[in-house]
Amino acid sequence: MRQLNTVAPLSEALPNLGLLTNVVELAYYEMIYIYHRLKHNSRIELRREHNHIFDNNAVGVYFEGCKLGYVSLKVNSIVAKQMDMGTTVLARVKRINKNKNKPLSVLDIEVMIM
């Protein structure tokens, strides 16, 4: 009898790809208390916010328990849908832009859907 070589399913063969996005509304929350501890590849916590008044797909961005802002509108519907389905969603800092006059002007994160 002939043996067949099987290939792993495509989902196992490919790595999990991340979505690059920015955090919006940085100036409105607790970023000022923790911006000096944010570094490249710092782990970020994402929390689904079902009771947001203006956005049904709101996903809050947190670092060490402090709220930084929200996942941008460009990708928040994708992230919110995955979180609602129970999929594991991880995030980490990809780029930080600190200015002298404003502690944190740009915060880009990578969202990984597992």
PDB file of N, CA and C in Angstrom:
ATOM      1  N   MET A   1       0.833  -1.168   0.000  1.00  0.00           N
ATOM      2  CA  MET A   1       0.000   0.000   0.000  1.00  0.00           C
ATOM      3  C   MET A   1       0.884   1.239   0.000  1.00  0.00           C
ATOM      4  N   ARG A   2       0.469   2.235  -0.724  1.00  0.00           N
ATOM      5  CA  ARG A   2       1.262   3.454  -0.892  1.00  0.00           C
ATOM      6  C   ARG A   2       0.954   4.452   0.227  1.00  0.00           C
ATOM      7  N   GLN A   3       1.999   5.073   0.789  1.00  0.00           N
ATOM      8  CA  GLN A   3       1.807   6.078   1.825  1.00  0.00           C
ATOM      9  C   GLN A   3       1.670   7.458   1.187  1.00  0.00           C
ATOM     10  N   LEU A   4       0.743   8.223   1.717  1.00  0.00           N
ATOM     11  CA  LEU A   4       0.532   9.579   1.215  1.00  0.00           C
ATOM     12  C   LEU A   4       1.153  10.581   2.170  1.00  0.00           C
ATOM     13  N   ASN A   5       1.843  11.541   1.608  1.00  0.00           N
ATOM     14  CA  ASN A   5       2.368  12.632   2.417  1.00  0.00           C
ATOM     15  C   ASN A   5       1.292  13.697   2.533  1.00  0.00           C
ATOM     16  N   THR A   6       0.939  14.014   3.750  1.00  0.00           N
ATOM     17  CA  THR A   6      -0.089  15.030   3.941  1.00  0.00           C
ATOM     18  C   THR A   6       0.553  16.339   4.361  1.00  0.00           C
ATOM     19  N   VAL A   7      -0.076  17.415   3.989  1.00  0.00           N
ATOM     20  CA  VAL A   7       0.401  18.753   4.326  1.00  0.00           C
ATOM     21  C   VAL A   7      -0.537  19.332   5.369  1.00  0.00           C
ATOM     22  N   ALA A   8       0.039  20.039   6.333  1.00  0.00           N
ATOM     23  CA  ALA A   8      -0.785  20.676   7.367  1.00  0.00           C
ATOM     24  C   ALA A   8      -1.756  21.651   6.723  1.00  0.00           C
ATOM     25  N   PRO A   9      -2.921  21.846   7.318  1.00  0.00           N
ATOM     26  CA  PRO A   9      -3.866  22.828   6.774  1.00  0.00           C
ATOM     27  C   PRO A   9      -3.225  24.192   6.651  1.00  0.00           C
ATOM     28  N   LEU A  10      -3.703  24.970   5.713  1.00  0.00           N
ATOM     29  CA  LEU A  10      -3.125  26.273   5.428  1.00  0.00           C
ATOM     30  C   LEU A  10      -3.128  27.181   6.646  1.00  0.00           C
ATOM     31  N   SER A  11      -4.163  27.115   7.466  1.00  0.00           N
ATOM     32  CA  SER A  11      -4.236  27.991   8.643  1.00  0.00           C
ATOM     33  C   SER A  11      -3.102  27.710   9.622  1.00  0.00           C
ATOM     34  N   GLU A  12      -2.618  26.479   9.675  1.00  0.00           N
ATOM     35  CA  GLU A  12      -1.508  26.158  10.564  1.00  0.00           C
ATOM     36  C   GLU A  12      -0.166  26.487   9.924  1.00  0.00           C
ATOM     37  N   ALA A  13      -0.114  26.500   8.611  1.00  0.00           N
ATOM     38  CA  ALA A  13       1.140  26.738   7.920  1.00  0.00           C
ATOM     39  C   ALA A  13       1.510  28.219   7.892  1.00  0.00           C
ATOM     40  N   LEU A  14       0.527  29.098   7.905  1.00  0.00           N
ATOM     41  CA  LEU A  14       0.792  30.524   7.836  1.00  0.00           C
ATOM     42  C   LEU A  14       0.871  31.135   9.236  1.00  0.00           C
ATOM     43  N   PRO A  15       1.744  32.119   9.423  1.00  0.00           N
ATOM     44  CA  PRO A  15       1.784  32.794  10.717  1.00  0.00           C
ATOM     45  C   PRO A  15       0.576  33.708  10.859  1.00  0.00           C
ATOM     46  N   ASN A  16       0.251  34.060  12.109  1.00  0.00           N
ATOM     47  CA  ASN A  16      -0.816  35.026  12.343  1.00  0.00           C
ATOM     48  C   ASN A  16      -0.325  36.400  11.901  1.00  0.00           C
ATOM     49  N   LEU A  17      -1.103  37.047  11.076  1.00  0.00           N
ATOM     50  CA  LEU A  17      -0.723  38.353  10.570  1.00  0.00           C
ATOM     51  C   LEU A  17      -1.371  39.440  11.408  1.00  0.00           C
ATOM     52  N   GLY A  18      -0.686  40.548  11.558  1.00  0.00           N
ATOM     53  CA  GLY A  18      -1.197  41.628  12.388  1.00  0.00           C
ATOM     54  C   GLY A  18      -1.736  42.779  11.566  1.00  0.00           C
ATOM     55  N   LEU A  19      -2.603  43.541  12.187  1.00  0.00           N
ATOM     56  CA  LEU A  19      -3.136  44.766  11.598  1.00  0.00           C
ATOM     57  C   LEU A  19      -2.402  45.935  12.237  1.00  0.00           C
ATOM     58  N   LEU A  20      -1.842  46.804  11.422  1.00  0.00           N
ATOM     59  CA  LEU A  20      -1.194  47.996  11.947  1.00  0.00           C
ATOM     60  C   LEU A  20      -2.201  49.124  11.963  1.00  0.00           C
ATOM     61  N   THR A  21      -2.314  49.791  13.090  1.00  0.00           N
ATOM     62  CA  THR A  21      -3.254  50.899  13.228  1.00  0.00           C
ATOM     63  C   THR A  21      -2.729  51.873  14.260  1.00  0.00           C
ATOM     64  N   ASN A  22      -3.385  52.998  14.358  1.00  0.00           N
ATOM     65  CA  ASN A  22      -2.988  53.971  15.368  1.00  0.00           C
ATOM     66  C   ASN A  22      -4.054  54.061  16.450  1.00  0.00           C
ATOM     67  N   VAL A  23      -3.645  54.606  17.578  1.00  0.00           N
ATOM     68  CA  VAL A  23      -4.562  54.815  18.695  1.00  0.00           C
ATOM     69  C   VAL A  23      -5.067  56.246  18.588  1.00  0.00           C
ATOM     70  N   VAL A  24      -6.380  56.415  18.643  1.00  0.00           N
ATOM     71  CA  VAL A  24      -6.977  57.745  18.538  1.00  0.00           C
ATOM     72  C   VAL A  24      -7.412  58.238  19.910  1.00  0.00           C
ATOM     73  N   GLU A  25      -7.573  59.548  20.022  1.00  0.00           N
ATOM     74  CA  GLU A  25      -7.997  60.226  21.256  1.00  0.00           C
ATOM     75  C   GLU A  25      -6.960  60.083  22.373  1.00  0.00           C
ATOM     76  N   LEU A  26      -5.685  60.156  22.023  1.00  0.00           N
ATOM     77  CA  LEU A  26      -4.611  60.013  23.013  1.00  0.00           C
ATOM     78  C   LEU A  26      -4.665  61.087  24.096  1.00  0.00           C
ATOM     79  N   ALA A  27      -5.053  62.289  23.744  1.00  0.00           N
ATOM     80  CA  ALA A  27      -4.999  63.400  24.688  1.00  0.00           C
ATOM     81  C   ALA A  27      -6.124  63.379  25.714  1.00  0.00           C
ATOM     82  N   TYR A  28      -7.133  62.541  25.526  1.00  0.00           N
ATOM     83  CA  TYR A  28      -8.316  62.591  26.380  1.00  0.00           C
ATOM     84  C   TYR A  28      -8.262  61.672  27.598  1.00  0.00           C
ATOM     85  N   TYR A  29      -7.314  60.782  27.676  1.00  0.00           N
ATOM     86  CA  TYR A  29      -7.341  59.773  28.734  1.00  0.00           C
ATOM     87  C   TYR A  29      -6.067  59.808  29.570  1.00  0.00           C
ATOM     88  N   GLU A  30      -5.631  58.694  30.121  1.00  0.00           N
ATOM     89  CA  GLU A  30      -4.575  58.644  31.129  1.00  0.00           C
ATOM     90  C   GLU A  30      -3.176  58.456  30.565  1.00  0.00           C
ATOM     91  N   MET A  31      -2.994  58.756  29.312  1.00  0.00           N
ATOM     92  CA  MET A  31      -1.707  58.570  28.667  1.00  0.00           C
ATOM     93  C   MET A  31      -0.599  59.343  29.362  1.00  0.00           C
ATOM     94  N   ILE A  32      -0.892  60.499  29.893  1.00  0.00           N
ATOM     95  CA  ILE A  32       0.135  61.340  30.504  1.00  0.00           C
ATOM     96  C   ILE A  32       0.808  60.666  31.702  1.00  0.00           C
ATOM     97  N   TYR A  33       0.119  59.729  32.339  1.00  0.00           N
ATOM     98  CA  TYR A  33       0.679  59.077  33.526  1.00  0.00           C
ATOM     99  C   TYR A  33       1.638  57.940  33.199  1.00  0.00           C
ATOM    100  N   ILE A  34       1.548  57.390  32.011  1.00  0.00           N
ATOM    101  CA  ILE A  34       2.338  56.190  31.723  1.00  0.00           C
ATOM    102  C   ILE A  34       3.160  56.291  30.433  1.00  0.00           C
ATOM    103  N   TYR A  35       3.107  57.404  29.707  1.00  0.00           N
ATOM    104  CA  TYR A  35       3.777  57.467  28.406  1.00  0.00           C
ATOM    105  C   TYR A  35       5.271  57.197  28.503  1.00  0.00           C
ATOM    106  N   HIS A  36       5.905  57.571  29.601  1.00  0.00           N
ATOM    107  CA  HIS A  36       7.344  57.370  29.751  1.00  0.00           C
ATOM    108  C   HIS A  36       7.710  55.890  29.904  1.00  0.00           C
ATOM    109  N   ARG A  37       6.738  55.018  30.222  1.00  0.00           N
ATOM    110  CA  ARG A  37       7.008  53.579  30.343  1.00  0.00           C
ATOM    111  C   ARG A  37       6.699  52.812  29.062  1.00  0.00           C
ATOM    112  N   LEU A  38       6.046  53.452  28.112  1.00  0.00           N
ATOM    113  CA  LEU A  38       5.738  52.788  26.844  1.00  0.00           C
ATOM    114  C   LEU A  38       7.003  52.638  26.015  1.00  0.00           C
ATOM    115  N   LYS A  39       7.220  51.450  25.508  1.00  0.00           N
ATOM    116  CA  LYS A  39       8.389  51.158  24.672  1.00  0.00           C
ATOM    117  C   LYS A  39       7.938  50.354  23.456  1.00  0.00           C
ATOM    118  N   HIS A  40       8.803  50.268  22.479  1.00  0.00           N
ATOM    119  CA  HIS A  40       8.544  49.425  21.309  1.00  0.00           C
ATOM    120  C   HIS A  40       8.327  47.987  21.780  1.00  0.00           C
ATOM    121  N   ASN A  41       7.308  47.333  21.281  1.00  0.00           N
ATOM    122  CA  ASN A  41       6.917  45.951  21.605  1.00  0.00           C
ATOM    123  C   ASN A  41       6.284  45.793  22.993  1.00  0.00           C
ATOM    124  N   SER A  42       5.964  46.894  23.679  1.00  0.00           N
ATOM    125  CA  SER A  42       5.224  46.772  24.941  1.00  0.00           C
ATOM    126  C   SER A  42       3.866  46.149  24.658  1.00  0.00           C
ATOM    127  N   ARG A  43       3.437  45.281  25.553  1.00  0.00           N
ATOM    128  CA  ARG A  43       2.146  44.623  25.362  1.00  0.00           C
ATOM    129  C   ARG A  43       1.018  45.591  25.716  1.00  0.00           C
ATOM    130  N   ILE A  44       0.015  45.627  24.878  1.00  0.00           N
ATOM    131  CA  ILE A  44      -1.138  46.505  25.032  1.00  0.00           C
ATOM    132  C   ILE A  44      -2.366  45.629  25.234  1.00  0.00           C
ATOM    133  N   GLU A  45      -3.255  46.068  26.117  1.00  0.00           N
ATOM    134  CA  GLU A  45      -4.503  45.338  26.351  1.00  0.00           C
ATOM    135  C   GLU A  45      -5.630  46.019  25.578  1.00  0.00           C
ATOM    136  N   LEU A  46      -6.430  45.223  24.916  1.00  0.00           N
ATOM    137  CA  LEU A  46      -7.600  45.731  24.202  1.00  0.00           C
ATOM    138  C   LEU A  46      -8.851  45.275  24.936  1.00  0.00           C
ATOM    139  N   ARG A  47      -9.779  46.195  25.132  1.00  0.00           N
ATOM    140  CA  ARG A  47     -11.041  45.862  25.799  1.00  0.00           C
ATOM    141  C   ARG A  47     -12.199  46.343  24.932  1.00  0.00           C
ATOM    142  N   ARG A  48     -13.135  45.469  24.722  1.00  0.00           N
ATOM    143  CA  ARG A  48     -14.333  45.796  23.942  1.00  0.00           C
ATOM    144  C   ARG A  48     -15.236  46.683  24.791  1.00  0.00           C
ATOM    145  N   GLU A  49     -15.708  47.783  24.233  1.00  0.00           N
ATOM    146  CA  GLU A  49     -16.577  48.713  24.951  1.00  0.00           C
ATOM    147  C   GLU A  49     -17.932  48.763  24.258  1.00  0.00           C
ATOM    148  N   HIS A  50     -18.851  47.961  24.754  1.00  0.00           N
ATOM    149  CA  HIS A  50     -20.179  47.842  24.142  1.00  0.00           C
ATOM    150  C   HIS A  50     -21.059  49.059  24.395  1.00  0.00           C
ATOM    151  N   ASN A  51     -20.779  49.822  25.430  1.00  0.00           N
ATOM    152  CA  ASN A  51     -21.656  50.934  25.772  1.00  0.00           C
ATOM    153  C   ASN A  51     -21.137  52.298  25.303  1.00  0.00           C
ATOM    154  N   HIS A  52     -20.260  52.328  24.327  1.00  0.00           N
ATOM    155  CA  HIS A  52     -19.754  53.581  23.779  1.00  0.00           C
ATOM    156  C   HIS A  52     -20.881  54.285  23.030  1.00  0.00           C
ATOM    157  N   ILE A  53     -21.084  55.550  23.298  1.00  0.00           N
ATOM    158  CA  ILE A  53     -22.229  56.288  22.754  1.00  0.00           C
ATOM    159  C   ILE A  53     -22.159  56.450  21.240  1.00  0.00           C
ATOM    160  N   PHE A  54     -20.992  56.767  20.703  1.00  0.00           N
ATOM    161  CA  PHE A  54     -20.875  57.126  19.295  1.00  0.00           C
ATOM    162  C   PHE A  54     -20.426  55.998  18.382  1.00  0.00           C
ATOM    163  N   ASP A  55     -19.936  54.895  18.949  1.00  0.00           N
ATOM    164  CA  ASP A  55     -19.372  53.831  18.110  1.00  0.00           C
ATOM    165  C   ASP A  55     -19.722  52.463  18.692  1.00  0.00           C
ATOM    166  N   ASN A  56     -20.500  51.690  17.957  1.00  0.00           N
ATOM    167  CA  ASN A  56     -20.872  50.345  18.407  1.00  0.00           C
ATOM    168  C   ASN A  56     -19.708  49.361  18.356  1.00  0.00           C
ATOM    169  N   ASN A  57     -18.651  49.706  17.622  1.00  0.00           N
ATOM    170  CA  ASN A  57     -17.489  48.830  17.482  1.00  0.00           C
ATOM    171  C   ASN A  57     -16.281  49.318  18.282  1.00  0.00           C
ATOM    172  N   ALA A  58     -16.500  50.102  19.304  1.00  0.00           N
ATOM    173  CA  ALA A  58     -15.396  50.696  20.065  1.00  0.00           C
ATOM    174  C   ALA A  58     -14.562  49.628  20.770  1.00  0.00           C
ATOM    175  N   VAL A  59     -13.245  49.788  20.650  1.00  0.00           N
ATOM    176  CA  VAL A  59     -12.285  48.918  21.331  1.00  0.00           C
ATOM    177  C   VAL A  59     -11.291  49.821  22.046  1.00  0.00           C
ATOM    178  N   GLY A  60     -11.307  49.779  23.372  1.00  0.00           N
ATOM    179  CA  GLY A  60     -10.412  50.599  24.172  1.00  0.00           C
ATOM    180  C   GLY A  60      -9.003  50.022  24.203  1.00  0.00           C
ATOM    181  N   VAL A  61      -8.009  50.912  24.296  1.00  0.00           N
ATOM    182  CA  VAL A  61      -6.600  50.531  24.344  1.00  0.00           C
ATOM    183  C   VAL A  61      -6.068  50.889  25.730  1.00  0.00           C
ATOM    184  N   TYR A  62      -5.497  49.899  26.421  1.00  0.00           N
ATOM    185  CA  TYR A  62      -5.019  50.084  27.791  1.00  0.00           C
ATOM    186  C   TYR A  62      -3.573  49.621  27.917  1.00  0.00           C
ATOM    187  N   PHE A  63      -2.838  50.286  28.786  1.00  0.00           N
ATOM    188  CA  PHE A  63      -1.475  49.881  29.133  1.00  0.00           C
ATOM    189  C   PHE A  63      -1.340  50.003  30.635  1.00  0.00           C
ATOM    190  N   GLU A  64      -0.989  48.909  31.293  1.00  0.00           N
ATOM    191  CA  GLU A  64      -0.842  48.851  32.747  1.00  0.00           C
ATOM    192  C   GLU A  64      -2.082  49.387  33.457  1.00  0.00           C
ATOM    193  N   GLY A  65      -3.248  49.067  32.926  1.00  0.00           N
ATOM    194  CA  GLY A  65      -4.508  49.465  33.537  1.00  0.00           C
ATOM    195  C   GLY A  65      -4.962  50.878  33.230  1.00  0.00           C
ATOM    196  N   CYS A  66      -4.146  51.650  32.526  1.00  0.00           N
ATOM    197  CA  CYS A  66      -4.495  53.027  32.181  1.00  0.00           C
ATOM    198  C   CYS A  66      -5.011  53.096  30.747  1.00  0.00           C
ATOM    199  N   LYS A  67      -6.103  53.806  30.574  1.00  0.00           N
ATOM    200  CA  LYS A  67      -6.689  53.924  29.241  1.00  0.00           C
ATOM    201  C   LYS A  67      -5.912  54.944  28.424  1.00  0.00           C
ATOM    202  N   LEU A  68      -5.527  54.518  27.198  1.00  0.00           N
ATOM    203  CA  LEU A  68      -4.788  55.395  26.299  1.00  0.00           C
ATOM    204  C   LEU A  68      -5.693  56.037  25.251  1.00  0.00           C
ATOM    205  N   GLY A  69      -6.685  55.316  24.800  1.00  0.00           N
ATOM    206  CA  GLY A  69      -7.563  55.797  23.737  1.00  0.00           C
ATOM    207  C   GLY A  69      -8.319  54.635  23.139  1.00  0.00           C
ATOM    208  N   TYR A  70      -8.549  54.713  21.829  1.00  0.00           N
ATOM    209  CA  TYR A  70      -9.317  53.694  21.119  1.00  0.00           C
ATOM    210  C   TYR A  70      -8.581  53.241  19.867  1.00  0.00           C
ATOM    211  N   VAL A  71      -8.853  52.014  19.443  1.00  0.00           N
ATOM    212  CA  VAL A  71      -8.389  51.532  18.146  1.00  0.00           C
ATOM    213  C   VAL A  71      -9.059  52.401  17.089  1.00  0.00           C
ATOM    214  N   SER A  72      -8.326  52.778  16.052  1.00  0.00           N
ATOM    215  CA  SER A  72      -8.860  53.693  15.042  1.00  0.00           C
ATOM    216  C   SER A  72     -10.076  53.111  14.319  1.00  0.00           C
ATOM    217  N   LEU A  73     -10.876  53.987  13.774  1.00  0.00           N
ATOM    218  CA  LEU A  73     -12.092  53.592  13.068  1.00  0.00           C
ATOM    219  C   LEU A  73     -11.806  52.744  11.833  1.00  0.00           C
ATOM    220  N   LYS A  74     -10.585  52.804  11.316  1.00  0.00           N
ATOM    221  CA  LYS A  74     -10.230  52.042  10.114  1.00  0.00           C
ATOM    222  C   LYS A  74     -10.305  50.539  10.330  1.00  0.00           C
ATOM    223  N   VAL A  75      -9.963  50.091  11.525  1.00  0.00           N
ATOM    224  CA  VAL A  75      -9.918  48.646  11.783  1.00  0.00           C
ATOM    225  C   VAL A  75     -10.752  48.192  12.976  1.00  0.00           C
ATOM    226  N   ASN A  76     -11.397  49.116  13.669  1.00  0.00           N
ATOM    227  CA  ASN A  76     -12.078  48.699  14.894  1.00  0.00           C
ATOM    228  C   ASN A  76     -13.246  47.741  14.652  1.00  0.00           C
ATOM    229  N   SER A  77     -13.899  47.815  13.500  1.00  0.00           N
ATOM    230  CA  SER A  77     -14.995  46.871  13.245  1.00  0.00           C
ATOM    231  C   SER A  77     -14.464  45.447  13.084  1.00  0.00           C
ATOM    232  N   ILE A  78     -13.294  45.294  12.490  1.00  0.00           N
ATOM    233  CA  ILE A  78     -12.681  43.960  12.330  1.00  0.00           C
ATOM    234  C   ILE A  78     -12.300  43.404  13.700  1.00  0.00           C
ATOM    235  N   VAL A  79     -11.647  44.231  14.503  1.00  0.00           N
ATOM    236  CA  VAL A  79     -11.193  43.803  15.824  1.00  0.00           C
ATOM    237  C   VAL A  79     -12.384  43.506  16.730  1.00  0.00           C
ATOM    238  N   ALA A  80     -13.388  44.383  16.714  1.00  0.00           N
ATOM    239  CA  ALA A  80     -14.567  44.193  17.567  1.00  0.00           C
ATOM    240  C   ALA A  80     -15.302  42.909  17.209  1.00  0.00           C
ATOM    241  N   LYS A  81     -15.437  42.625  15.922  1.00  0.00           N
ATOM    242  CA  LYS A  81     -16.125  41.403  15.487  1.00  0.00           C
ATOM    243  C   LYS A  81     -15.389  40.167  15.992  1.00  0.00           C
ATOM    244  N   GLN A  82     -14.072  40.161  15.883  1.00  0.00           N
ATOM    245  CA  GLN A  82     -13.285  39.019  16.344  1.00  0.00           C
ATOM    246  C   GLN A  82     -13.383  38.857  17.862  1.00  0.00           C
ATOM    247  N   MET A  83     -13.352  39.968  18.582  1.00  0.00           N
ATOM    248  CA  MET A  83     -13.462  39.905  20.043  1.00  0.00           C
ATOM    249  C   MET A  83     -14.838  39.392  20.452  1.00  0.00           C
ATOM    250  N   ASP A  84     -15.871  39.830  19.756  1.00  0.00           N
ATOM    251  CA  ASP A  84     -17.235  39.378  20.062  1.00  0.00           C
ATOM    252  C   ASP A  84     -17.409  37.886  19.799  1.00  0.00           C
ATOM    253  N   MET A  85     -16.652  37.343  18.844  1.00  0.00           N
ATOM    254  CA  MET A  85     -16.719  35.912  18.532  1.00  0.00           C
ATOM    255  C   MET A  85     -15.883  35.083  19.507  1.00  0.00           C
ATOM    256  N   GLY A  86     -15.138  35.736  20.390  1.00  0.00           N
ATOM    257  CA  GLY A  86     -14.329  35.014  21.366  1.00  0.00           C
ATOM    258  C   GLY A  86     -12.924  34.702  20.893  1.00  0.00           C
ATOM    259  N   THR A  87     -12.525  35.267  19.781  1.00  0.00           N
ATOM    260  CA  THR A  87     -11.183  35.047  19.246  1.00  0.00           C
ATOM    261  C   THR A  87     -10.162  35.796  20.098  1.00  0.00           C
ATOM    262  N   THR A  88      -9.006  35.200  20.303  1.00  0.00           N
ATOM    263  CA  THR A  88      -7.941  35.850  21.045  1.00  0.00           C
ATOM    264  C   THR A  88      -7.351  36.971  20.203  1.00  0.00           C
ATOM    265  N   VAL A  89      -7.304  38.157  20.772  1.00  0.00           N
ATOM    266  CA  VAL A  89      -6.755  39.324  20.081  1.00  0.00           C
ATOM    267  C   VAL A  89      -5.674  39.924  20.976  1.00  0.00           C
ATOM    268  N   LEU A  90      -4.469  40.004  20.457  1.00  0.00           N
ATOM    269  CA  LEU A  90      -3.337  40.566  21.189  1.00  0.00           C
ATOM    270  C   LEU A  90      -2.881  41.839  20.503  1.00  0.00           C
ATOM    271  N   ALA A  91      -2.190  42.704  21.244  1.00  0.00           N
ATOM    272  CA  ALA A  91      -1.677  43.937  20.656  1.00  0.00           C
ATOM    273  C   ALA A  91      -0.356  44.309  21.308  1.00  0.00           C
ATOM    274  N   ARG A  92       0.467  45.027  20.533  1.00  0.00           N
ATOM    275  CA  ARG A  92       1.735  45.519  21.057  1.00  0.00           C
ATOM    276  C   ARG A  92       2.084  46.829  20.363  1.00  0.00           C
ATOM    277  N   VAL A  93       2.946  47.592  20.989  1.00  0.00           N
ATOM    278  CA  VAL A  93       3.356  48.882  20.451  1.00  0.00           C
ATOM    279  C   VAL A  93       4.302  48.666  19.273  1.00  0.00           C
ATOM    280  N   LYS A  94       4.030  49.344  18.175  1.00  0.00           N
ATOM    281  CA  LYS A  94       4.910  49.276  17.008  1.00  0.00           C
ATOM    282  C   LYS A  94       5.726  50.553  16.846  1.00  0.00           C
ATOM    283  N   ARG A  95       5.112  51.714  17.099  1.00  0.00           N
ATOM    284  CA  ARG A  95       5.836  52.977  16.929  1.00  0.00           C
ATOM    285  C   ARG A  95       5.315  54.010  17.917  1.00  0.00           C
ATOM    286  N   ILE A  96       6.248  54.739  18.506  1.00  0.00           N
ATOM    287  CA  ILE A  96       5.910  55.803  19.441  1.00  0.00           C
ATOM    288  C   ILE A  96       6.595  57.064  18.949  1.00  0.00           C
ATOM    289  N   ASN A  97       5.870  58.166  18.948  1.00  0.00           N
ATOM    290  CA  ASN A  97       6.450  59.446  18.569  1.00  0.00           C
ATOM    291  C   ASN A  97       6.224  60.428  19.709  1.00  0.00           C
ATOM    292  N   LYS A  98       7.293  60.709  20.436  1.00  0.00           N
ATOM    293  CA  LYS A  98       7.205  61.628  21.568  1.00  0.00           C
ATOM    294  C   LYS A  98       7.786  62.978  21.156  1.00  0.00           C
ATOM    295  N   ASN A  99       7.056  64.035  21.458  1.00  0.00           N
ATOM    296  CA  ASN A  99       7.526  65.391  21.205  1.00  0.00           C
ATOM    297  C   ASN A  99       7.786  66.086  22.521  1.00  0.00           C
ATOM    298  N   LYS A 100       8.595  67.144  22.474  1.00  0.00           N
ATOM    299  CA  LYS A 100       8.938  67.858  23.703  1.00  0.00           C
ATOM    300  C   LYS A 100       7.716  68.532  24.318  1.00  0.00           C
ATOM    301  N   ASN A 101       6.879  69.141  23.497  1.00  0.00           N
ATOM    302  CA  ASN A 101       5.723  69.887  24.002  1.00  0.00           C
ATOM    303  C   ASN A 101       4.542  68.992  24.358  1.00  0.00           C
ATOM    304  N   LYS A 102       4.475  67.843  23.754  1.00  0.00           N
ATOM    305  CA  LYS A 102       3.360  66.931  23.976  1.00  0.00           C
ATOM    306  C   LYS A 102       3.960  65.553  24.213  1.00  0.00           C
ATOM    307  N   PRO A 103       3.687  64.927  25.343  1.00  0.00           N
ATOM    308  CA  PRO A 103       4.375  63.673  25.681  1.00  0.00           C
ATOM    309  C   PRO A 103       4.247  62.576  24.630  1.00  0.00           C
ATOM    310  N   LEU A 104       3.093  62.435  24.035  1.00  0.00           N
ATOM    311  CA  LEU A 104       2.908  61.345  23.077  1.00  0.00           C
ATOM    312  C   LEU A 104       1.966  61.823  21.980  1.00  0.00           C
ATOM    313  N   SER A 105       2.515  61.997  20.783  1.00  0.00           N
ATOM    314  CA  SER A 105       1.686  62.504  19.693  1.00  0.00           C
ATOM    315  C   SER A 105       1.217  61.396  18.765  1.00  0.00           C
ATOM    316  N   VAL A 106       1.981  60.316  18.646  1.00  0.00           N
ATOM    317  CA  VAL A 106       1.614  59.205  17.781  1.00  0.00           C
ATOM    318  C   VAL A 106       1.885  57.895  18.507  1.00  0.00           C
ATOM    319  N   LEU A 107       0.907  57.017  18.478  1.00  0.00           N
ATOM    320  CA  LEU A 107       1.080  55.680  19.029  1.00  0.00           C
ATOM    321  C   LEU A 107       0.486  54.695  18.037  1.00  0.00           C
ATOM    322  N   ASP A 108       1.343  53.955  17.373  1.00  0.00           N
ATOM    323  CA  ASP A 108       0.908  52.925  16.434  1.00  0.00           C
ATOM    324  C   ASP A 108       1.019  51.572  17.110  1.00  0.00           C
ATOM    325  N   ILE A 109       0.010  50.740  16.916  1.00  0.00           N
ATOM    326  CA  ILE A 109       0.010  49.414  17.517  1.00  0.00           C
ATOM    327  C   ILE A 109      -0.226  48.359  16.443  1.00  0.00           C
ATOM    328  N   GLU A 110       0.215  47.157  16.739  1.00  0.00           N
ATOM    329  CA  GLU A 110      -0.039  46.012  15.882  1.00  0.00           C
ATOM    330  C   GLU A 110      -1.033  45.119  16.621  1.00  0.00           C
ATOM    331  N   VAL A 111      -2.142  44.832  15.973  1.00  0.00           N
ATOM    332  CA  VAL A 111      -3.187  43.981  16.537  1.00  0.00           C
ATOM    333  C   VAL A 111      -3.066  42.624  15.871  1.00  0.00           C
ATOM    334  N   MET A 112      -2.906  41.583  16.676  1.00  0.00           N
ATOM    335  CA  MET A 112      -2.765  40.229  16.144  1.00  0.00           C
ATOM    336  C   MET A 112      -3.990  39.408  16.518  1.00  0.00           C
ATOM    337  N   ILE A 113      -4.663  38.905  15.504  1.00  0.00           N
ATOM    338  CA  ILE A 113      -5.849  38.070  15.699  1.00  0.00           C
ATOM    339  C   ILE A 113      -5.405  36.638  15.598  1.00  0.00           C
ATOM    340  N   MET A 114      -5.543  35.890  16.672  1.00  0.00           N
ATOM    341  CA  MET A 114      -5.010  34.513  16.734  1.00  0.00           C
ATOM    342  C   MET A 114      -6.011  33.502  16.235  1.00  0.00           C
TER     343      MET A 114
END
